N, C-alpha and C. Protein backbone atom coordinates (compact mmCIF):
# COMPACT_ATOMS: atom_id res chain seq x y z
N MET A 1 112.34 110.91 96.35
CA MET A 1 113.65 111.15 95.78
C MET A 1 114.04 112.60 96.07
N GLN A 2 115.26 112.78 96.53
CA GLN A 2 115.76 114.10 96.85
C GLN A 2 116.21 114.80 95.57
N LEU A 3 115.67 115.98 95.31
CA LEU A 3 116.00 116.68 94.07
C LEU A 3 117.42 117.21 94.05
N ASN A 4 117.98 117.51 95.19
CA ASN A 4 119.34 118.05 95.23
C ASN A 4 120.39 116.99 95.51
N ALA A 5 119.98 115.72 95.58
CA ALA A 5 120.92 114.63 95.87
C ALA A 5 121.77 114.33 94.64
N LYS A 6 122.97 113.88 94.88
CA LYS A 6 123.85 113.43 93.81
C LYS A 6 123.42 112.03 93.39
N LEU A 7 123.55 111.72 92.12
CA LEU A 7 123.11 110.43 91.62
C LEU A 7 123.79 109.28 92.35
N ARG A 8 125.08 109.42 92.68
CA ARG A 8 125.78 108.35 93.40
C ARG A 8 125.21 108.16 94.80
N GLU A 9 124.51 109.16 95.33
CA GLU A 9 123.88 109.04 96.64
C GLU A 9 122.54 108.32 96.54
N LEU A 10 121.98 108.27 95.35
CA LEU A 10 120.69 107.63 95.14
C LEU A 10 120.80 106.19 94.66
N LEU A 11 121.90 105.89 93.94
CA LEU A 11 122.08 104.57 93.34
C LEU A 11 123.40 103.95 93.79
N PRO A 12 123.39 103.20 94.87
CA PRO A 12 124.63 102.58 95.33
C PRO A 12 125.10 101.50 94.36
N LEU A 13 126.41 101.27 94.35
CA LEU A 13 127.01 100.18 93.60
C LEU A 13 126.87 98.93 94.46
N VAL A 14 126.01 98.00 94.03
CA VAL A 14 125.71 96.83 94.86
C VAL A 14 126.20 95.52 94.27
N GLY A 15 126.64 95.53 93.03
CA GLY A 15 127.13 94.31 92.41
C GLY A 15 128.12 94.64 91.32
N VAL A 16 128.99 93.67 91.02
CA VAL A 16 129.99 93.87 89.99
C VAL A 16 130.36 92.54 89.34
N LEU A 17 130.64 92.60 88.07
CA LEU A 17 131.26 91.51 87.33
C LEU A 17 132.58 92.10 86.88
N SER A 18 133.65 91.75 87.57
CA SER A 18 134.95 92.36 87.29
C SER A 18 135.36 92.11 85.84
N PRO A 19 135.95 93.11 85.19
CA PRO A 19 136.33 92.96 83.78
C PRO A 19 137.31 91.80 83.60
N ALA A 20 137.00 90.94 82.65
CA ALA A 20 137.85 89.79 82.35
C ALA A 20 137.39 89.15 81.05
N ALA A 21 138.23 88.31 80.51
CA ALA A 21 137.85 87.55 79.31
C ALA A 21 136.64 86.69 79.65
N THR A 22 135.66 86.72 78.78
CA THR A 22 134.45 85.94 78.98
C THR A 22 134.28 85.05 77.76
N VAL A 23 134.16 83.76 78.01
CA VAL A 23 134.07 82.80 76.91
C VAL A 23 132.85 81.90 77.12
N ASN A 24 132.97 80.63 76.74
CA ASN A 24 131.82 79.72 76.76
C ASN A 24 131.53 79.11 78.14
N VAL A 25 132.15 79.63 79.18
CA VAL A 25 131.82 79.26 80.56
C VAL A 25 131.23 80.51 81.21
N GLU A 26 129.99 80.43 81.63
CA GLU A 26 129.29 81.61 82.16
C GLU A 26 130.00 82.17 83.38
N ARG A 27 130.16 83.50 83.38
CA ARG A 27 130.73 84.22 84.52
C ARG A 27 129.59 84.94 85.23
N PHE A 28 129.71 85.03 86.57
CA PHE A 28 128.64 85.62 87.36
C PHE A 28 129.13 86.80 88.18
N SER A 29 128.22 87.74 88.38
CA SER A 29 128.49 88.90 89.24
C SER A 29 128.39 88.48 90.70
N THR A 30 128.69 89.44 91.55
CA THR A 30 128.39 89.25 92.97
C THR A 30 126.87 89.18 93.11
N VAL A 31 126.42 88.65 94.22
CA VAL A 31 125.00 88.46 94.48
C VAL A 31 124.44 89.73 95.14
N VAL A 32 123.26 90.15 94.71
CA VAL A 32 122.61 91.35 95.22
C VAL A 32 121.36 90.96 96.01
N ASP A 33 121.23 91.51 97.20
CA ASP A 33 120.07 91.28 98.06
C ASP A 33 118.96 92.23 97.66
N MET A 34 117.98 91.74 96.91
CA MET A 34 116.88 92.59 96.46
C MET A 34 115.87 92.86 97.57
N GLY A 35 116.02 92.22 98.72
CA GLY A 35 115.18 92.56 99.86
C GLY A 35 115.50 93.95 100.38
N ALA A 36 116.70 94.43 100.09
CA ALA A 36 117.14 95.76 100.54
C ALA A 36 116.92 96.83 99.47
N HIS A 37 116.44 96.41 98.28
CA HIS A 37 116.34 97.36 97.17
C HIS A 37 114.98 97.24 96.47
N ILE A 38 114.54 98.36 95.92
CA ILE A 38 113.29 98.38 95.17
C ILE A 38 113.53 97.83 93.77
N GLN A 39 114.63 98.25 93.17
CA GLN A 39 114.99 97.78 91.84
C GLN A 39 116.49 97.96 91.64
N ALA A 40 117.00 97.26 90.62
CA ALA A 40 118.42 97.33 90.30
C ALA A 40 118.58 97.34 88.79
N VAL A 41 119.70 97.91 88.35
CA VAL A 41 120.02 97.93 86.93
C VAL A 41 121.45 97.43 86.77
N ALA A 42 121.62 96.48 85.85
CA ALA A 42 122.94 95.93 85.53
C ALA A 42 123.36 96.51 84.19
N VAL A 43 124.55 97.09 84.16
CA VAL A 43 125.09 97.65 82.92
C VAL A 43 126.30 96.81 82.54
N VAL A 44 126.16 96.06 81.45
CA VAL A 44 127.21 95.17 80.96
C VAL A 44 127.98 95.90 79.87
N ALA A 45 129.30 95.92 79.99
CA ALA A 45 130.15 96.58 78.98
C ALA A 45 130.95 95.51 78.24
N LEU A 46 130.74 95.46 76.94
CA LEU A 46 131.46 94.51 76.09
C LEU A 46 132.67 95.20 75.48
N GLY A 47 133.76 94.48 75.34
CA GLY A 47 134.96 95.01 74.69
C GLY A 47 135.02 94.53 73.25
N ASP A 48 136.20 94.23 72.77
CA ASP A 48 136.43 93.72 71.42
C ASP A 48 136.09 92.24 71.42
N MET A 49 134.87 91.91 70.99
CA MET A 49 134.35 90.56 71.10
C MET A 49 134.61 89.74 69.84
N ALA A 50 134.78 88.43 70.02
CA ALA A 50 134.92 87.50 68.90
C ALA A 50 133.56 87.35 68.22
N ALA A 51 133.56 86.76 67.06
CA ALA A 51 132.32 86.52 66.31
C ALA A 51 131.58 85.33 66.93
N GLU A 52 131.03 85.55 68.11
CA GLU A 52 130.30 84.52 68.85
C GLU A 52 129.04 85.13 69.45
N THR A 53 128.04 84.30 69.69
CA THR A 53 126.84 84.79 70.36
C THR A 53 127.19 85.26 71.76
N ILE A 54 126.37 86.16 72.29
CA ILE A 54 126.57 86.68 73.65
C ILE A 54 125.23 86.65 74.37
N ASP A 55 125.23 86.08 75.56
CA ASP A 55 124.03 86.04 76.39
C ASP A 55 124.29 86.75 77.71
N ALA A 56 123.35 87.58 78.14
CA ALA A 56 123.40 88.23 79.44
C ALA A 56 122.05 88.00 80.10
N LYS A 57 122.09 87.41 81.31
CA LYS A 57 120.85 87.05 82.01
C LYS A 57 120.94 87.45 83.47
N LEU A 58 119.78 87.77 84.02
CA LEU A 58 119.66 87.95 85.46
C LEU A 58 119.04 86.67 86.03
N TYR A 59 119.53 86.26 87.18
CA TYR A 59 119.07 85.04 87.84
C TYR A 59 118.61 85.34 89.25
N ALA A 60 117.48 84.77 89.65
CA ALA A 60 117.09 84.73 91.06
C ALA A 60 117.91 83.60 91.67
N CYS A 61 118.41 83.81 92.89
CA CYS A 61 119.29 82.80 93.49
C CYS A 61 119.24 82.88 95.00
N ASP A 62 119.93 81.93 95.64
CA ASP A 62 120.10 81.96 97.09
C ASP A 62 121.18 82.99 97.44
N SER A 63 121.36 83.28 98.71
CA SER A 63 122.32 84.30 99.13
C SER A 63 123.75 83.97 98.73
N ASP A 64 124.05 82.70 98.52
CA ASP A 64 125.39 82.30 98.11
C ASP A 64 125.51 82.15 96.59
N GLY A 65 124.45 82.49 95.85
CA GLY A 65 124.46 82.40 94.39
C GLY A 65 124.02 81.06 93.85
N ASN A 66 123.78 80.09 94.71
CA ASN A 66 123.37 78.75 94.27
C ASN A 66 121.88 78.70 93.98
N ASN A 67 121.45 77.58 93.39
CA ASN A 67 120.05 77.33 93.04
C ASN A 67 119.47 78.46 92.18
N ALA A 68 120.24 78.88 91.21
CA ALA A 68 119.86 80.01 90.35
C ALA A 68 118.77 79.61 89.35
N VAL A 69 117.83 80.54 89.15
CA VAL A 69 116.74 80.38 88.19
C VAL A 69 116.76 81.61 87.30
N ALA A 70 116.88 81.41 85.99
CA ALA A 70 116.92 82.54 85.06
C ALA A 70 115.61 83.32 85.11
N LEU A 71 115.73 84.63 85.15
CA LEU A 71 114.57 85.52 85.08
C LEU A 71 114.40 85.89 83.61
N THR A 72 113.67 85.09 82.87
CA THR A 72 113.60 85.25 81.41
C THR A 72 113.08 86.62 80.99
N ALA A 73 112.17 87.20 81.78
CA ALA A 73 111.65 88.52 81.44
C ALA A 73 112.69 89.62 81.68
N ASN A 74 113.77 89.30 82.39
CA ASN A 74 114.81 90.27 82.71
C ASN A 74 116.14 89.89 82.06
N SER A 75 116.08 89.12 81.01
CA SER A 75 117.29 88.70 80.30
C SER A 75 117.32 89.31 78.92
N ALA A 76 118.53 89.57 78.45
CA ALA A 76 118.71 90.18 77.13
C ALA A 76 118.45 89.15 76.04
N THR A 77 118.01 89.63 74.89
CA THR A 77 117.92 88.78 73.72
C THR A 77 119.34 88.45 73.29
N GLN A 78 119.59 87.20 72.96
CA GLN A 78 120.94 86.79 72.57
C GLN A 78 121.45 87.65 71.42
N LEU A 79 122.68 88.15 71.58
CA LEU A 79 123.32 88.92 70.51
C LEU A 79 123.90 87.93 69.51
N ALA A 80 123.60 88.12 68.24
CA ALA A 80 124.08 87.22 67.20
C ALA A 80 125.58 87.35 67.01
N ALA A 81 126.19 86.24 66.66
CA ALA A 81 127.63 86.25 66.38
C ALA A 81 127.93 87.15 65.20
N HIS A 82 128.91 88.03 65.35
CA HIS A 82 129.30 88.94 64.28
C HIS A 82 130.72 89.42 64.56
N ALA A 83 131.47 89.66 63.52
CA ALA A 83 132.88 90.05 63.67
C ALA A 83 133.05 91.40 64.36
N SER A 84 132.07 92.31 64.23
CA SER A 84 132.27 93.62 64.84
C SER A 84 131.01 94.26 65.42
N ASN A 85 129.83 93.75 65.16
CA ASN A 85 128.59 94.39 65.62
C ASN A 85 128.48 94.50 67.14
N ASN A 86 129.12 93.60 67.88
CA ASN A 86 128.99 93.61 69.34
C ASN A 86 130.15 94.29 70.05
N ASP A 87 131.15 94.73 69.29
CA ASP A 87 132.33 95.36 69.89
C ASP A 87 131.98 96.68 70.57
N ASN A 88 132.46 96.83 71.79
CA ASN A 88 132.32 98.08 72.55
C ASN A 88 130.87 98.54 72.69
N LYS A 89 129.97 97.58 72.92
CA LYS A 89 128.55 97.86 73.12
C LYS A 89 128.20 97.63 74.59
N GLN A 90 126.99 98.03 74.97
CA GLN A 90 126.51 97.85 76.33
C GLN A 90 125.15 97.15 76.30
N ILE A 91 124.89 96.40 77.34
CA ILE A 91 123.59 95.75 77.55
C ILE A 91 123.10 96.23 78.92
N VAL A 92 121.88 96.72 78.99
CA VAL A 92 121.33 97.23 80.25
C VAL A 92 120.11 96.36 80.62
N LEU A 93 120.16 95.77 81.81
CA LEU A 93 119.10 94.90 82.31
C LEU A 93 118.55 95.47 83.61
N ASN A 94 117.24 95.54 83.72
CA ASN A 94 116.60 96.06 84.94
C ASN A 94 115.82 94.94 85.62
N VAL A 95 115.81 94.97 86.93
CA VAL A 95 115.01 94.02 87.70
C VAL A 95 114.40 94.74 88.89
N ARG A 96 113.14 94.46 89.15
CA ARG A 96 112.45 94.99 90.33
C ARG A 96 112.35 93.86 91.34
N SER A 97 112.33 94.20 92.60
CA SER A 97 112.27 93.16 93.63
C SER A 97 111.06 92.26 93.45
N ASP A 98 109.93 92.82 92.99
CA ASP A 98 108.74 91.98 92.81
C ASP A 98 108.85 91.04 91.61
N ASP A 99 109.86 91.23 90.74
CA ASP A 99 110.10 90.29 89.64
C ASP A 99 110.57 88.93 90.18
N LEU A 100 111.02 88.91 91.43
CA LEU A 100 111.55 87.68 92.03
C LEU A 100 110.48 86.88 92.76
N LEU A 101 109.28 87.43 92.90
CA LEU A 101 108.25 86.78 93.71
C LEU A 101 107.96 85.35 93.28
N ALA A 102 107.83 85.11 91.98
CA ALA A 102 107.49 83.77 91.50
C ALA A 102 108.57 82.75 91.83
N SER A 103 109.81 83.21 91.93
CA SER A 103 110.92 82.30 92.22
C SER A 103 111.01 81.95 93.71
N GLY A 104 110.38 82.77 94.55
CA GLY A 104 110.48 82.56 95.99
C GLY A 104 111.84 82.93 96.55
N LYS A 105 112.63 83.64 95.79
CA LYS A 105 113.99 84.02 96.21
C LYS A 105 114.07 85.55 96.33
N ARG A 106 115.07 86.03 97.06
CA ARG A 106 115.21 87.48 97.22
C ARG A 106 116.55 88.01 96.72
N TYR A 107 117.39 87.13 96.19
CA TYR A 107 118.72 87.53 95.71
C TYR A 107 118.77 87.40 94.20
N VAL A 108 119.64 88.20 93.60
CA VAL A 108 119.79 88.18 92.15
C VAL A 108 121.27 88.28 91.79
N LYS A 109 121.62 87.69 90.64
CA LYS A 109 122.98 87.82 90.11
C LYS A 109 122.89 87.90 88.60
N LEU A 110 123.94 88.43 88.00
CA LEU A 110 124.04 88.57 86.56
C LEU A 110 124.96 87.49 86.02
N GLY A 111 124.61 86.91 84.89
CA GLY A 111 125.48 85.94 84.22
C GLY A 111 125.71 86.37 82.79
N VAL A 112 126.97 86.22 82.32
CA VAL A 112 127.32 86.54 80.93
C VAL A 112 128.15 85.39 80.37
N VAL A 113 127.83 84.99 79.13
CA VAL A 113 128.54 83.89 78.47
C VAL A 113 128.54 84.13 76.96
N THR A 114 129.57 83.62 76.30
CA THR A 114 129.61 83.67 74.83
C THR A 114 129.44 82.26 74.28
N GLY A 115 129.19 82.18 72.99
CA GLY A 115 128.95 80.90 72.35
C GLY A 115 130.19 80.20 71.86
N GLY A 116 131.36 80.64 72.24
CA GLY A 116 132.59 80.00 71.78
C GLY A 116 133.73 80.24 72.74
N ALA A 117 134.89 79.71 72.38
CA ALA A 117 136.05 79.74 73.28
C ALA A 117 136.93 80.97 73.13
N SER A 118 136.60 81.88 72.19
CA SER A 118 137.42 83.08 72.02
C SER A 118 136.92 84.25 72.85
N GLY A 119 135.62 84.50 72.83
CA GLY A 119 134.98 85.52 73.66
C GLY A 119 135.56 86.90 73.54
N GLY A 120 135.74 87.53 74.68
CA GLY A 120 136.27 88.88 74.73
C GLY A 120 136.10 89.46 76.11
N PRO A 121 136.61 90.68 76.32
CA PRO A 121 136.53 91.29 77.65
C PRO A 121 135.12 91.79 77.96
N VAL A 122 134.66 91.47 79.17
CA VAL A 122 133.32 91.88 79.62
C VAL A 122 133.42 92.28 81.08
N GLY A 123 132.74 93.36 81.43
CA GLY A 123 132.62 93.79 82.81
C GLY A 123 131.22 94.32 83.02
N ALA A 124 130.81 94.48 84.26
CA ALA A 124 129.47 95.02 84.54
C ALA A 124 129.43 95.63 85.93
N VAL A 125 128.54 96.59 86.09
CA VAL A 125 128.22 97.14 87.40
C VAL A 125 126.72 97.00 87.60
N ILE A 126 126.33 96.83 88.86
CA ILE A 126 124.92 96.76 89.20
C ILE A 126 124.65 97.87 90.22
N LEU A 127 123.74 98.76 89.86
CA LEU A 127 123.34 99.87 90.71
C LEU A 127 121.91 99.61 91.18
N ALA A 128 121.57 100.07 92.38
CA ALA A 128 120.24 99.77 92.90
C ALA A 128 119.61 100.97 93.58
N GLN A 129 118.29 100.93 93.65
CA GLN A 129 117.51 101.93 94.37
C GLN A 129 117.19 101.33 95.74
N PRO A 130 117.86 101.83 96.80
CA PRO A 130 117.63 101.25 98.13
C PRO A 130 116.22 101.52 98.64
N ARG A 131 115.72 100.60 99.44
CA ARG A 131 114.41 100.80 100.08
C ARG A 131 114.50 101.91 101.11
N MET A 132 115.60 101.94 101.87
CA MET A 132 115.77 102.95 102.91
C MET A 132 117.25 103.28 103.04
N GLY A 133 117.53 104.45 103.59
CA GLY A 133 118.90 104.83 103.89
C GLY A 133 119.63 105.41 102.69
N SER A 134 120.87 105.78 102.93
CA SER A 134 121.68 106.39 101.88
C SER A 134 122.43 105.32 101.11
N ALA A 135 122.85 105.66 99.92
CA ALA A 135 123.59 104.73 99.08
C ALA A 135 124.90 104.33 99.73
N ALA A 136 125.56 105.26 100.39
CA ALA A 136 126.86 104.96 101.00
C ALA A 136 126.76 103.82 102.00
N SER A 137 125.60 103.65 102.61
CA SER A 137 125.46 102.59 103.61
C SER A 137 125.33 101.21 102.98
N VAL A 138 125.07 101.14 101.67
CA VAL A 138 124.89 99.83 101.02
C VAL A 138 125.83 99.61 99.84
N ASP A 139 126.76 100.56 99.57
CA ASP A 139 127.75 100.33 98.52
C ASP A 139 128.55 99.08 98.84
N LEU A 140 129.02 98.39 97.81
CA LEU A 140 129.90 97.25 98.01
C LEU A 140 131.11 97.66 98.83
N ALA A 141 131.63 96.76 99.62
CA ALA A 141 132.82 97.03 100.42
C ALA A 141 134.03 97.32 99.53
N SER A 142 134.00 96.87 98.28
CA SER A 142 135.13 97.07 97.37
C SER A 142 135.19 98.48 96.79
N VAL A 143 134.16 99.31 97.03
CA VAL A 143 134.18 100.68 96.56
C VAL A 143 135.19 101.45 97.40
N VAL A 144 136.24 102.00 96.75
CA VAL A 144 137.32 102.64 97.49
C VAL A 144 137.22 104.16 97.52
N GLN A 145 136.43 104.76 96.63
CA GLN A 145 136.27 106.21 96.63
C GLN A 145 134.90 106.60 96.16
N LEU A 146 134.35 107.61 96.77
CA LEU A 146 133.13 108.28 96.33
C LEU A 146 133.51 109.73 96.11
N VAL A 147 133.45 110.19 94.87
CA VAL A 147 133.92 111.53 94.52
C VAL A 147 132.76 112.38 94.03
N GLY A 148 132.75 113.63 94.45
CA GLY A 148 131.76 114.59 93.95
C GLY A 148 130.46 114.56 94.69
């Protein structure tokens, strides 16, 4: 690790769950190729949530996101339904590439769902530690600016 490197140069943005209402139909992030990364961290941001349970899970999957298998050791404990306890909170999930070995897959995605039809706004970013090269070479194509 370079001591004088900027954090954005060390941790590329490799996945995203665009902010949107999240209810009882699970929403998924873009798929991340863990063959190119040592580990990744998903940061889920919850908004003003309804009094419903909230689940956030990482899944091993194929490159197109299909045939997903929940990585139970890398999934959050379900947040209990509450009128305000989950509002404006964050959930942080980490996964290492070797966590996928048992699944026989090399891709991962994040899924978020609530236990009811009201839900609330949820977004997430996934940052990763690349095996080689600079972060700029593996940032998502949707990244429009790198500042600082």
